[in-house]
Amino acid sequence: MYRALTSSSQALAQRVVRSTLTFTRLSSTDPEAGSVSGQDAFNKREKAEESRWARRFEAEQAEKYRSKSAQSGGQKQASRQSPTGGSNQQRLAELEAEKRRIDQEIADLKRQKR
């Protein structure tokens, strides 16, 4: 018995055929179709690019730090000298003498309280 296809049954038949074709395409037996190896290569390349960027960024940061510390290094040496223009050893001797004088004053004040 032969049945004529109406428009509604024709649309239904097209949907069935389309879904079958789509399913057939998605379930291919080709080992390369949908392979993960392409993604692995992409992930490796992306990771290598990211590490290359990180190394370059760290090198730039280190260079900035070195140049900044070199500039401030000259300023620190100038600030290490005492305001009177003496060297560090002279400044240290002055501070030690001042410390002895303060200690002596403290000892005198303690004696006076007694």
Protein backbone atom coordinates (compact mmCIF):
# COMPACT_ATOMS: atom_id res chain seq x y z
CA MET A 1 0.00 0.00 0.00
CA TYR A 2 1.41 3.32 -1.04
CA ARG A 3 0.66 6.43 0.94
CA ALA A 4 1.05 9.93 -0.40
CA LEU A 5 3.20 12.29 1.64
CA THR A 6 1.37 15.28 2.93
CA SER A 7 3.13 18.50 3.92
CA SER A 8 3.07 17.64 7.63
CA SER A 9 4.33 14.11 7.13
CA GLN A 10 6.96 15.42 4.70
CA ALA A 11 8.26 17.87 7.36
CA LEU A 12 8.39 15.02 9.87
CA ALA A 13 10.31 12.86 7.43
CA GLN A 14 12.81 15.68 6.79
CA ARG A 15 13.40 16.08 10.54
CA VAL A 16 14.05 12.37 10.95
CA VAL A 17 16.41 12.30 7.99
CA ARG A 18 18.29 15.40 9.17
CA SER A 19 18.75 14.08 12.71
CA THR A 20 19.95 10.73 11.33
CA LEU A 21 22.46 12.44 9.05
CA THR A 22 23.69 14.64 11.89
CA PHE A 23 24.08 11.65 14.18
CA THR A 24 25.99 9.79 11.47
CA ARG A 25 28.33 12.74 10.97
CA LEU A 26 28.97 13.10 14.69
CA SER A 27 29.70 9.42 15.22
CA SER A 28 32.37 9.11 12.56
CA THR A 29 34.84 6.22 12.68
CA ASP A 30 37.71 8.40 11.47
CA PRO A 31 40.36 8.45 14.26
CA GLU A 32 41.38 12.04 13.43
CA ALA A 33 37.84 13.41 13.58
CA GLY A 34 37.32 15.18 16.89
CA SER A 35 40.76 14.15 18.04
CA VAL A 36 42.20 15.64 21.19
CA SER A 37 45.72 15.75 19.73
CA GLY A 38 44.97 19.06 18.04
CA GLN A 39 43.91 20.50 21.36
CA ASP A 40 47.05 19.16 23.07
CA ALA A 41 49.26 20.88 20.51
CA PHE A 42 47.32 24.10 20.99
CA ASN A 43 47.58 23.84 24.78
CA LYS A 44 51.33 23.21 24.61
CA ARG A 45 51.84 26.19 22.33
CA GLU A 46 49.67 28.41 24.52
CA LYS A 47 51.58 27.34 27.65
CA ALA A 48 54.93 28.00 25.94
CA GLU A 49 53.76 31.44 24.83
CA GLU A 50 52.55 32.23 28.34
CA SER A 51 55.83 31.17 29.96
CA ARG A 52 57.77 33.18 27.36
CA TRP A 53 55.68 36.24 28.24
CA ALA A 54 56.19 35.66 31.98
CA ARG A 55 59.99 35.39 31.56
CA ARG A 56 60.06 38.57 29.47
CA PHE A 57 57.89 40.41 32.02
CA GLU A 58 60.07 39.28 34.95
CA ALA A 59 63.21 40.35 33.08
CA GLU A 60 61.72 43.81 32.47
CA GLN A 61 60.75 44.10 36.14
CA ALA A 62 64.25 43.04 37.24
CA GLU A 63 65.81 45.59 34.89
CA LYS A 64 63.56 48.34 36.25
CA TYR A 65 64.52 47.35 39.80
CA ARG A 66 68.23 47.31 38.96
CA SER A 67 68.13 50.71 37.29
CA LYS A 68 66.08 52.16 40.13
CA SER A 69 68.42 50.75 42.79
CA ALA A 70 71.46 51.97 40.85
CA GLN A 71 70.02 55.48 40.76
CA SER A 72 69.10 55.44 44.43
CA GLY A 73 72.45 53.80 45.30
CA GLY A 74 74.29 57.00 44.41
CA GLN A 75 71.87 59.00 46.50
CA LYS A 76 72.22 56.63 49.47
CA GLN A 77 76.00 56.96 49.47
CA ALA A 78 75.67 60.73 49.56
CA SER A 79 73.16 60.52 52.43
CA ARG A 80 75.43 58.19 54.46
CA GLN A 81 77.90 60.97 54.99
CA SER A 82 77.22 63.17 57.97
CA PRO A 83 75.78 66.63 57.41
CA THR A 84 79.14 68.12 58.42
CA GLY A 85 80.77 66.34 55.47
CA GLY A 86 82.63 63.62 57.45
CA SER A 87 82.81 59.94 56.64
CA ASN A 88 80.73 57.21 58.22
CA GLN A 89 83.45 56.36 60.75
CA GLN A 90 83.62 59.95 61.92
CA ARG A 91 79.83 60.09 62.21
CA LEU A 92 79.86 56.86 64.20
CA ALA A 93 82.48 58.23 66.57
CA GLU A 94 80.40 61.37 67.08
CA LEU A 95 77.30 59.34 67.84
CA GLU A 96 79.15 57.10 70.29
CA ALA A 97 80.52 60.18 72.09
CA GLU A 98 77.00 61.61 72.28
CA LYS A 99 75.70 58.31 73.64
CA ARG A 100 78.37 58.32 76.38
CA ARG A 101 77.45 61.89 77.28
CA ILE A 102 73.73 60.98 77.51
CA ASP A 103 74.52 57.90 79.61
CA GLN A 104 76.58 60.10 81.95
CA GLU A 105 73.69 62.57 82.31
CA ILE A 106 71.29 59.72 83.12
CA ALA A 107 73.67 58.40 85.77
CA ASP A 108 73.98 61.90 87.29
CA LEU A 109 70.19 62.31 87.41
CA LYS A 110 69.80 58.92 89.13
CA ARG A 111 72.36 59.97 91.78
CA GLN A 112 70.54 63.21 92.39
CA LYS A 113 67.23 61.41 93.05
CA ARG A 114 68.79 59.36 95.86
